[in-house]
Amino acid sequence: MARKSGEENRRNVLEVATRLFYQQGIRAVGMDTVVKECGVGNATLYRQFPTKDSLATAYVQGRADAWFERMQQAADERREPQDKLLAVFEVLATDCAGPTYRGCPMLNTNTEFPGGAHPAHIAAVTHKQQVRDWFYSLAVDAAADDAAQLAEELLIILNGAYATAAVLDGATYGKRAVDFARRIITDACGAHAA
């Protein structure tokens, strides 16, 4: 059997940790569980991720990067600026309706690590700030009357939908989020709305 490269081991560990952390929570999953599920030795895991904090932070950052990649792709497929904003919520609705949906990894991480010093907490907060800033730039492009307010309101809808869909019927609350976002975007963009 060929030995895996360091990058292959890193990717394997991160994929397994991502699945476990999302399903069970970061604090509930020990490094020994990650080692066992990965089929690697302790030395291999700790060579790639020296601490559980570094693995948790890589998980959060990976989920944040994947979220932006998917959402930006969905927005880029739309022509009208208002539709770019709405595309985010349409993807959200699909995500929330999935059978393995367990909530937003960033919100879940913030709940597990509410203190501001933990690097996974910082990565989660930074992601939410970047989402708000991206919404702001899309709102400016959409000629919103108050782009900052629209960005903040859309972030509230996004986070509210993610949190509620994790507890109640995800499909229903995902659809409600799309409808609510559409109304807010239309109101904020006035005559410019599609």
C-alpha atoms as a PDB file:
ATOM      1  CA  MET A   1       0.000   0.000   0.000  1.00  0.00           C
ATOM      2  CA  ALA A   2       1.435   3.377  -1.034  1.00  0.00           C
ATOM      3  CA  ARG A   3       2.082   5.912   1.670  1.00  0.00           C
ATOM      4  CA  LYS A   4      -0.020   9.052   1.570  1.00  0.00           C
ATOM      5  CA  SER A   5       1.608  12.428   1.203  1.00  0.00           C
ATOM      6  CA  GLY A   6       1.357  15.003   3.966  1.00  0.00           C
ATOM      7  CA  GLU A   7      -1.238  16.906   1.942  1.00  0.00           C
ATOM      8  CA  GLU A   8      -3.308  13.741   1.393  1.00  0.00           C
ATOM      9  CA  ASN A   9      -3.191  12.983   5.126  1.00  0.00           C
ATOM     10  CA  ARG A  10      -4.161  16.570   5.950  1.00  0.00           C
ATOM     11  CA  ARG A  11      -7.093  16.443   3.543  1.00  0.00           C
ATOM     12  CA  ASN A  12      -8.233  13.062   4.921  1.00  0.00           C
ATOM     13  CA  VAL A  13      -8.066  14.231   8.541  1.00  0.00           C
ATOM     14  CA  LEU A  14      -9.882  17.468   7.734  1.00  0.00           C
ATOM     15  CA  GLU A  15     -12.633  15.691   5.754  1.00  0.00           C
ATOM     16  CA  VAL A  16     -13.280  13.259   8.597  1.00  0.00           C
ATOM     17  CA  ALA A  17     -13.117  15.976  11.265  1.00  0.00           C
ATOM     18  CA  THR A  18     -15.471  18.157   9.211  1.00  0.00           C
ATOM     19  CA  ARG A  19     -18.050  15.391   9.076  1.00  0.00           C
ATOM     20  CA  LEU A  20     -17.731  14.545  12.778  1.00  0.00           C
ATOM     21  CA  PHE A  21     -17.606  18.138  14.026  1.00  0.00           C
ATOM     22  CA  TYR A  22     -20.653  19.102  11.971  1.00  0.00           C
ATOM     23  CA  GLN A  23     -22.682  16.037  12.997  1.00  0.00           C
ATOM     24  CA  GLN A  24     -21.751  15.931  16.677  1.00  0.00           C
ATOM     25  CA  GLY A  25     -20.187  19.255  17.593  1.00  0.00           C
ATOM     26  CA  ILE A  26     -16.548  20.183  18.018  1.00  0.00           C
ATOM     27  CA  ARG A  27     -16.404  19.706  21.778  1.00  0.00           C
ATOM     28  CA  ALA A  28     -18.125  16.300  21.609  1.00  0.00           C
ATOM     29  CA  VAL A  29     -15.523  14.806  19.269  1.00  0.00           C
ATOM     30  CA  GLY A  30     -12.164  13.871  20.733  1.00  0.00           C
ATOM     31  CA  MET A  31      -8.950  13.649  18.769  1.00  0.00           C
ATOM     32  CA  ASP A  32      -8.889   9.902  19.441  1.00  0.00           C
ATOM     33  CA  THR A  33     -12.197   9.595  17.575  1.00  0.00           C
ATOM     34  CA  VAL A  34     -10.767  11.535  14.632  1.00  0.00           C
ATOM     35  CA  VAL A  35      -7.674   9.290  14.604  1.00  0.00           C
ATOM     36  CA  LYS A  36      -9.807   6.151  14.669  1.00  0.00           C
ATOM     37  CA  GLU A  37     -12.174   7.367  11.918  1.00  0.00           C
ATOM     38  CA  CYS A  38      -9.276   8.498   9.720  1.00  0.00           C
ATOM     39  CA  GLY A  39      -7.359   5.280  10.044  1.00  0.00           C
ATOM     40  CA  VAL A  40      -4.128   7.141  10.771  1.00  0.00           C
ATOM     41  CA  GLY A  41      -1.811   7.186  13.746  1.00  0.00           C
ATOM     42  CA  ASN A  42      -1.617   9.904  16.377  1.00  0.00           C
ATOM     43  CA  ALA A  43       1.680  11.147  14.966  1.00  0.00           C
ATOM     44  CA  THR A  44       0.169  11.586  11.498  1.00  0.00           C
ATOM     45  CA  LEU A  45      -2.767  13.579  12.818  1.00  0.00           C
ATOM     46  CA  TYR A  46      -0.695  15.770  15.137  1.00  0.00           C
ATOM     47  CA  ARG A  47       1.881  16.421  12.414  1.00  0.00           C
ATOM     48  CA  GLN A  48      -0.901  18.000  10.339  1.00  0.00           C
ATOM     49  CA  PHE A  49      -2.844  19.577  13.215  1.00  0.00           C
ATOM     50  CA  PRO A  50      -0.735  20.056  16.358  1.00  0.00           C
ATOM     51  CA  THR A  51      -3.783  20.791  18.543  1.00  0.00           C
ATOM     52  CA  LYS A  52      -7.516  20.227  18.501  1.00  0.00           C
ATOM     53  CA  ASP A  53      -7.890  24.007  18.340  1.00  0.00           C
ATOM     54  CA  SER A  54      -5.924  24.082  15.082  1.00  0.00           C
ATOM     55  CA  LEU A  55      -8.097  21.293  13.649  1.00  0.00           C
ATOM     56  CA  ALA A  56     -11.306  23.031  14.787  1.00  0.00           C
ATOM     57  CA  THR A  57     -10.150  26.298  13.244  1.00  0.00           C
ATOM     58  CA  ALA A  58      -9.264  24.580   9.959  1.00  0.00           C
ATOM     59  CA  TYR A  59     -12.748  23.004   9.979  1.00  0.00           C
ATOM     60  CA  VAL A  60     -14.465  26.369  10.501  1.00  0.00           C
ATOM     61  CA  GLN A  61     -12.322  28.107   7.897  1.00  0.00           C
ATOM     62  CA  GLY A  62     -12.915  25.305   5.417  1.00  0.00           C
ATOM     63  CA  ARG A  63     -16.675  25.536   5.895  1.00  0.00           C
ATOM     64  CA  ALA A  64     -16.521  29.333   5.562  1.00  0.00           C
ATOM     65  CA  ASP A  65     -14.506  29.116   2.339  1.00  0.00           C
ATOM     66  CA  ALA A  66     -16.830  26.461   0.896  1.00  0.00           C
ATOM     67  CA  TRP A  67     -19.878  28.590   1.766  1.00  0.00           C
ATOM     68  CA  PHE A  68     -18.483  31.614  -0.046  1.00  0.00           C
ATOM     69  CA  GLU A  69     -17.487  29.562  -3.060  1.00  0.00           C
ATOM     70  CA  ARG A  70     -20.995  28.103  -3.430  1.00  0.00           C
ATOM     71  CA  MET A  71     -22.798  31.369  -2.763  1.00  0.00           C
ATOM     72  CA  GLN A  72     -20.610  33.442  -5.060  1.00  0.00           C
ATOM     73  CA  GLN A  73     -21.089  30.877  -7.814  1.00  0.00           C
ATOM     74  CA  ALA A  74     -24.870  31.062  -7.355  1.00  0.00           C
ATOM     75  CA  ALA A  75     -24.779  34.870  -7.380  1.00  0.00           C
ATOM     76  CA  ASP A  76     -22.521  34.965 -10.434  1.00  0.00           C
ATOM     77  CA  GLU A  77     -25.073  32.917 -12.364  1.00  0.00           C
ATOM     78  CA  ARG A  78     -27.557  35.797 -12.054  1.00  0.00           C
ATOM     79  CA  ARG A  79     -27.546  38.899 -14.171  1.00  0.00           C
ATOM     80  CA  GLU A  80     -29.532  41.384 -12.096  1.00  0.00           C
ATOM     81  CA  PRO A  81     -27.934  42.682  -8.876  1.00  0.00           C
ATOM     82  CA  GLN A  82     -31.094  42.072  -6.822  1.00  0.00           C
ATOM     83  CA  ASP A  83     -31.223  38.501  -8.101  1.00  0.00           C
ATOM     84  CA  LYS A  84     -27.627  37.986  -6.969  1.00  0.00           C
ATOM     85  CA  LEU A  85     -28.704  38.757  -3.410  1.00  0.00           C
ATOM     86  CA  LEU A  86     -31.732  36.507  -3.661  1.00  0.00           C
ATOM     87  CA  ALA A  87     -29.646  33.631  -5.033  1.00  0.00           C
ATOM     88  CA  VAL A  88     -27.943  33.284  -1.640  1.00  0.00           C
ATOM     89  CA  PHE A  89     -31.276  32.618   0.016  1.00  0.00           C
ATOM     90  CA  GLU A  90     -32.335  30.142  -2.634  1.00  0.00           C
ATOM     91  CA  VAL A  91     -29.193  28.106  -1.930  1.00  0.00           C
ATOM     92  CA  LEU A  92     -29.875  28.477   1.791  1.00  0.00           C
ATOM     93  CA  ALA A  93     -33.389  27.061   1.291  1.00  0.00           C
ATOM     94  CA  THR A  94     -31.985  23.997  -0.457  1.00  0.00           C
ATOM     95  CA  ASP A  95     -29.368  23.497   2.269  1.00  0.00           C
ATOM     96  CA  CYS A  96     -31.877  23.809   5.107  1.00  0.00           C
ATOM     97  CA  ALA A  97     -34.170  21.221   3.537  1.00  0.00           C
ATOM     98  CA  GLY A  98     -31.445  18.569   3.389  1.00  0.00           C
ATOM     99  CA  PRO A  99     -31.712  15.493   5.627  1.00  0.00           C
ATOM    100  CA  THR A 100     -28.271  16.039   7.206  1.00  0.00           C
ATOM    101  CA  TYR A 101     -28.730  19.749   7.916  1.00  0.00           C
ATOM    102  CA  ARG A 102     -27.553  20.591  11.446  1.00  0.00           C
ATOM    103  CA  GLY A 103     -27.443  24.357  11.335  1.00  0.00           C
ATOM    104  CA  CYS A 104     -24.819  26.883  10.387  1.00  0.00           C
ATOM    105  CA  PRO A 105     -21.309  25.724  11.307  1.00  0.00           C
ATOM    106  CA  MET A 106     -20.379  29.308  12.223  1.00  0.00           C
ATOM    107  CA  LEU A 107     -23.315  29.773  14.571  1.00  0.00           C
ATOM    108  CA  ASN A 108     -22.739  26.309  16.036  1.00  0.00           C
ATOM    109  CA  THR A 109     -19.067  27.141  16.620  1.00  0.00           C
ATOM    110  CA  ASN A 110     -19.953  30.432  18.258  1.00  0.00           C
ATOM    111  CA  THR A 111     -22.273  28.549  20.618  1.00  0.00           C
ATOM    112  CA  GLU A 112     -19.561  26.045  21.508  1.00  0.00           C
ATOM    113  CA  PHE A 113     -16.835  28.678  21.888  1.00  0.00           C
ATOM    114  CA  PRO A 114     -18.523  31.911  22.958  1.00  0.00           C
ATOM    115  CA  GLY A 115     -15.298  33.458  24.211  1.00  0.00           C
ATOM    116  CA  GLY A 116     -13.618  35.818  21.817  1.00  0.00           C
ATOM    117  CA  ALA A 117     -10.125  34.359  22.154  1.00  0.00           C
ATOM    118  CA  HIS A 118     -10.643  30.888  20.678  1.00  0.00           C
ATOM    119  CA  PRO A 119      -9.301  30.782  17.087  1.00  0.00           C
ATOM    120  CA  ALA A 120     -12.364  28.854  15.818  1.00  0.00           C
ATOM    121  CA  HIS A 121     -14.618  31.537  17.334  1.00  0.00           C
ATOM    122  CA  ILE A 122     -12.571  34.242  15.645  1.00  0.00           C
ATOM    123  CA  ALA A 123     -12.822  32.432  12.284  1.00  0.00           C
ATOM    124  CA  ALA A 124     -16.613  32.123  12.674  1.00  0.00           C
ATOM    125  CA  VAL A 125     -17.061  35.795  13.579  1.00  0.00           C
ATOM    126  CA  THR A 126     -14.759  36.896  10.764  1.00  0.00           C
ATOM    127  CA  HIS A 127     -16.835  34.858   8.320  1.00  0.00           C
ATOM    128  CA  LYS A 128     -20.081  36.520   9.435  1.00  0.00           C
ATOM    129  CA  GLN A 129     -18.463  39.941   9.061  1.00  0.00           C
ATOM    130  CA  GLN A 130     -17.309  39.022   5.556  1.00  0.00           C
ATOM    131  CA  VAL A 131     -20.826  37.851   4.655  1.00  0.00           C
ATOM    132  CA  ARG A 132     -22.233  41.171   5.860  1.00  0.00           C
ATOM    133  CA  ASP A 133     -19.604  43.065   3.836  1.00  0.00           C
ATOM    134  CA  TRP A 134     -20.355  40.987   0.723  1.00  0.00           C
ATOM    135  CA  PHE A 135     -24.073  41.635   1.158  1.00  0.00           C
ATOM    136  CA  TYR A 136     -23.222  45.333   1.423  1.00  0.00           C
ATOM    137  CA  SER A 137     -21.318  45.318  -1.876  1.00  0.00           C
ATOM    138  CA  LEU A 138     -24.167  43.442  -3.573  1.00  0.00           C
ATOM    139  CA  ALA A 139     -26.674  45.906  -2.076  1.00  0.00           C
ATOM    140  CA  VAL A 140     -24.658  48.835  -3.453  1.00  0.00           C
ATOM    141  CA  ASP A 141     -24.708  47.195  -6.889  1.00  0.00           C
ATOM    142  CA  ALA A 142     -28.470  46.720  -6.505  1.00  0.00           C
ATOM    143  CA  ALA A 143     -28.878  50.470  -5.833  1.00  0.00           C
ATOM    144  CA  ALA A 144     -30.362  49.932  -2.377  1.00  0.00           C
ATOM    145  CA  ASP A 145     -31.512  53.103  -0.661  1.00  0.00           C
ATOM    146  CA  ASP A 146     -29.464  52.143   2.413  1.00  0.00           C
ATOM    147  CA  ALA A 147     -27.003  49.407   1.465  1.00  0.00           C
ATOM    148  CA  ALA A 148     -25.626  49.026   4.995  1.00  0.00           C
ATOM    149  CA  GLN A 149     -29.078  48.525   6.469  1.00  0.00           C
ATOM    150  CA  LEU A 150     -30.050  46.044   3.768  1.00  0.00           C
ATOM    151  CA  ALA A 151     -26.846  44.069   4.340  1.00  0.00           C
ATOM    152  CA  GLU A 152     -27.489  43.892   8.072  1.00  0.00           C
ATOM    153  CA  GLU A 153     -31.144  42.894   7.607  1.00  0.00           C
ATOM    154  CA  LEU A 154     -30.206  40.168   5.137  1.00  0.00           C
ATOM    155  CA  LEU A 155     -27.605  38.854   7.578  1.00  0.00           C
ATOM    156  CA  ILE A 156     -30.300  38.678  10.259  1.00  0.00           C
ATOM    157  CA  ILE A 157     -32.589  36.754   7.892  1.00  0.00           C
ATOM    158  CA  LEU A 158     -29.758  34.422   6.895  1.00  0.00           C
ATOM    159  CA  ASN A 159     -28.722  33.631  10.463  1.00  0.00           C
ATOM    160  CA  GLY A 160     -32.305  33.401  11.679  1.00  0.00           C
ATOM    161  CA  ALA A 161     -33.181  30.951   8.940  1.00  0.00           C
ATOM    162  CA  TYR A 162     -30.103  28.845   9.609  1.00  0.00           C
ATOM    163  CA  ALA A 163     -30.816  28.690  13.335  1.00  0.00           C
ATOM    164  CA  THR A 164     -34.565  28.081  13.051  1.00  0.00           C
ATOM    165  CA  ALA A 165     -34.256  25.484  10.282  1.00  0.00           C
ATOM    166  CA  ALA A 166     -31.903  23.449  12.479  1.00  0.00           C
ATOM    167  CA  VAL A 167     -34.592  23.169  15.151  1.00  0.00           C
ATOM    168  CA  LEU A 168     -37.869  23.159  13.210  1.00  0.00           C
ATOM    169  CA  ASP A 169     -38.835  22.180   9.675  1.00  0.00           C
ATOM    170  CA  GLY A 170     -35.868  23.208   7.537  1.00  0.00           C
ATOM    171  CA  ALA A 171     -37.728  23.160   4.230  1.00  0.00           C
ATOM    172  CA  THR A 172     -40.467  25.451   5.497  1.00  0.00           C
ATOM    173  CA  TYR A 173     -38.142  27.970   7.110  1.00  0.00           C
ATOM    174  CA  GLY A 174     -35.778  27.964   4.150  1.00  0.00           C
ATOM    175  CA  LYS A 175     -38.668  28.907   1.863  1.00  0.00           C
ATOM    176  CA  ARG A 176     -39.846  31.558   4.309  1.00  0.00           C
ATOM    177  CA  ALA A 177     -36.356  33.059   4.320  1.00  0.00           C
ATOM    178  CA  VAL A 178     -36.413  33.346   0.508  1.00  0.00           C
ATOM    179  CA  ASP A 179     -39.797  35.090   0.601  1.00  0.00           C
ATOM    180  CA  PHE A 180     -38.728  37.434   3.389  1.00  0.00           C
ATOM    181  CA  ALA A 181     -35.432  38.276   1.687  1.00  0.00           C
ATOM    182  CA  ARG A 182     -37.271  38.992  -1.573  1.00  0.00           C
ATOM    183  CA  ARG A 183     -39.584  41.469   0.192  1.00  0.00           C
ATOM    184  CA  ILE A 184     -36.724  43.198   1.991  1.00  0.00           C
ATOM    185  CA  ILE A 185     -34.669  43.473  -1.211  1.00  0.00           C
ATOM    186  CA  THR A 186     -37.646  44.814  -3.174  1.00  0.00           C
ATOM    187  CA  ASP A 187     -38.433  47.371  -0.479  1.00  0.00           C
ATOM    188  CA  ALA A 188     -34.807  48.484  -0.155  1.00  0.00           C
ATOM    189  CA  CYS A 189     -34.202  48.778  -3.867  1.00  0.00           C
ATOM    190  CA  GLY A 190     -37.504  50.514  -4.641  1.00  0.00           C
ATOM    191  CA  ALA A 191     -38.081  51.035  -8.334  1.00  0.00           C
ATOM    192  CA  HIS A 192     -34.771  49.340  -9.104  1.00  0.00           C
ATOM    193  CA  ALA A 193     -35.975  45.945  -7.851  1.00  0.00           C
ATOM    194  CA  ALA A 194     -36.523  43.166 -10.334  1.00  0.00           C
END
